[in-house]
N, C-alpha and C. Protein backbone atom coordinates (compact mmCIF):
# COMPACT_ATOMS: atom_id res chain seq x y z
N UNK A 1 81.16 9.47 -46.71
CA UNK A 1 82.31 10.11 -45.93
C UNK A 1 82.54 9.04 -44.19
N UNK A 2 82.47 7.67 -44.34
CA UNK A 2 82.47 6.93 -43.27
C UNK A 2 80.65 6.15 -43.11
N UNK A 3 80.07 5.96 -44.87
CA UNK A 3 79.27 5.64 -44.78
C UNK A 3 79.10 4.28 -44.43
N UNK A 4 80.27 3.43 -45.35
CA UNK A 4 80.31 2.26 -45.72
C UNK A 4 81.20 1.60 -43.74
N UNK A 5 81.79 2.60 -43.45
CA UNK A 5 82.31 1.76 -42.35
C UNK A 5 81.41 2.17 -41.11
N UNK A 6 80.46 2.98 -41.35
CA UNK A 6 79.43 2.97 -40.13
C UNK A 6 78.63 1.60 -40.11
N UNK A 7 78.11 1.05 -41.33
CA UNK A 7 77.43 -0.20 -41.68
C UNK A 7 78.47 -1.03 -40.99
N UNK A 8 79.65 -0.97 -41.20
CA UNK A 8 80.24 -2.35 -40.84
C UNK A 8 80.37 -2.20 -39.54
N UNK A 9 80.52 -1.36 -38.67
CA UNK A 9 80.64 -0.85 -37.20
C UNK A 9 79.34 -1.83 -36.57
N UNK A 10 77.90 -1.50 -37.34
CA UNK A 10 76.83 -1.57 -36.80
C UNK A 10 76.61 -3.45 -36.95
N UNK A 11 77.13 -3.85 -38.34
CA UNK A 11 77.24 -5.20 -38.15
C UNK A 11 78.10 -6.03 -37.22
N UNK A 12 78.95 -5.69 -37.27
CA UNK A 12 80.59 -6.18 -36.37
C UNK A 12 79.44 -6.02 -34.83
N UNK A 13 79.17 -5.03 -34.29
CA UNK A 13 78.52 -5.07 -33.30
C UNK A 13 77.07 -5.86 -32.55
N UNK A 14 76.37 -6.64 -33.81
CA UNK A 14 75.51 -6.89 -33.95
C UNK A 14 76.02 -8.53 -33.81
N UNK A 15 77.29 -8.99 -34.24
CA UNK A 15 77.60 -10.20 -34.14
C UNK A 15 78.43 -10.50 -32.62
N UNK A 16 78.68 -8.87 -32.00
CA UNK A 16 79.05 -9.58 -30.43
C UNK A 16 80.31 -8.59 -30.29
N UNK A 17 81.19 -8.70 -31.33
CA UNK A 17 81.73 -7.24 -31.10
C UNK A 17 81.95 -5.76 -30.32
N UNK A 18 82.45 -5.26 -29.80
CA UNK A 18 82.34 -4.46 -29.00
C UNK A 18 83.33 -3.09 -28.85
N UNK A 19 84.75 -3.64 -29.14
CA UNK A 19 85.55 -2.49 -29.04
C UNK A 19 85.54 -1.90 -30.62
N UNK A 20 84.78 -1.51 -31.87
CA UNK A 20 84.25 -1.13 -32.70
C UNK A 20 84.12 0.33 -33.02
N UNK A 21 84.80 1.00 -33.26
CA UNK A 21 84.40 1.99 -34.03
C UNK A 21 84.27 2.83 -35.82
N UNK A 22 83.77 3.98 -35.69
CA UNK A 22 83.82 4.59 -36.86
C UNK A 22 84.27 6.10 -36.70
N UNK A 23 85.58 5.83 -37.78
CA UNK A 23 85.83 7.61 -37.92
C UNK A 23 85.28 8.65 -38.85
N UNK A 24 85.19 9.41 -37.69
CA UNK A 24 84.74 10.34 -38.73
C UNK A 24 85.43 11.31 -40.17
N UNK A 25 84.56 11.17 -40.91
CA UNK A 25 85.18 11.48 -42.08
C UNK A 25 85.70 10.37 -42.87
N UNK A 26 85.22 9.06 -42.61
CA UNK A 26 86.23 8.09 -43.01
C UNK A 26 87.54 7.72 -43.56
N UNK A 27 87.76 7.98 -44.69
CA UNK A 27 88.80 7.26 -45.67
C UNK A 27 89.98 8.21 -45.88
N UNK A 28 89.34 9.50 -46.33
CA UNK A 28 89.15 10.86 -46.46
C UNK A 28 90.35 11.55 -45.28
N UNK A 29 89.30 11.57 -43.93
CA UNK A 29 89.68 12.12 -43.17
C UNK A 29 91.14 11.58 -42.56
N UNK A 30 91.19 9.82 -42.54
CA UNK A 30 92.47 9.64 -42.35
C UNK A 30 93.51 9.88 -43.52
N UNK A 31 93.37 9.90 -44.66
CA UNK A 31 93.95 10.20 -45.59
C UNK A 31 94.76 11.90 -45.43
N UNK A 32 93.67 12.34 -44.65
CA UNK A 32 94.10 14.00 -44.86
C UNK A 32 95.20 13.98 -43.39
N UNK A 33 94.71 13.31 -42.45
CA UNK A 33 95.11 13.44 -41.05
C UNK A 33 96.09 12.57 -40.69
N UNK A 34 96.09 11.60 -41.64
CA UNK A 34 97.07 10.07 -40.87
C UNK A 34 98.00 9.54 -41.45
N UNK A 35 97.70 9.72 -42.46
CA UNK A 35 98.25 9.10 -43.87
C UNK A 35 98.13 9.26 -45.52
N UNK A 36 98.85 10.29 -45.85
CA UNK A 36 98.53 10.98 -46.93
C UNK A 36 98.96 10.08 -48.08
N UNK A 37 99.28 9.37 -47.73
CA UNK A 37 99.83 7.83 -49.18
C UNK A 37 98.68 7.22 -48.89
N UNK A 38 97.76 7.43 -48.08
CA UNK A 38 96.21 6.11 -48.42
C UNK A 38 95.96 7.22 -50.02
N UNK A 39 95.41 6.49 -50.19
CA UNK A 39 94.91 6.53 -51.51
C UNK A 39 93.38 7.10 -51.70
N UNK A 40 92.50 7.83 -51.94
CA UNK A 40 90.99 8.40 -51.62
C UNK A 40 90.42 7.60 -52.49
N UNK A 41 89.17 7.57 -52.08
CA UNK A 41 88.39 7.25 -53.70
C UNK A 41 87.04 8.24 -53.49
């Protein structure tokens, strides 16, 4: 639940990006709270 995006955030920050965030709960929470049409994997 958000592990892959946490790794992506780390890689982006290591590349110099500063305005990046990892959403708690990952895509499942996004689907539950924001956009129920988003498929859950």
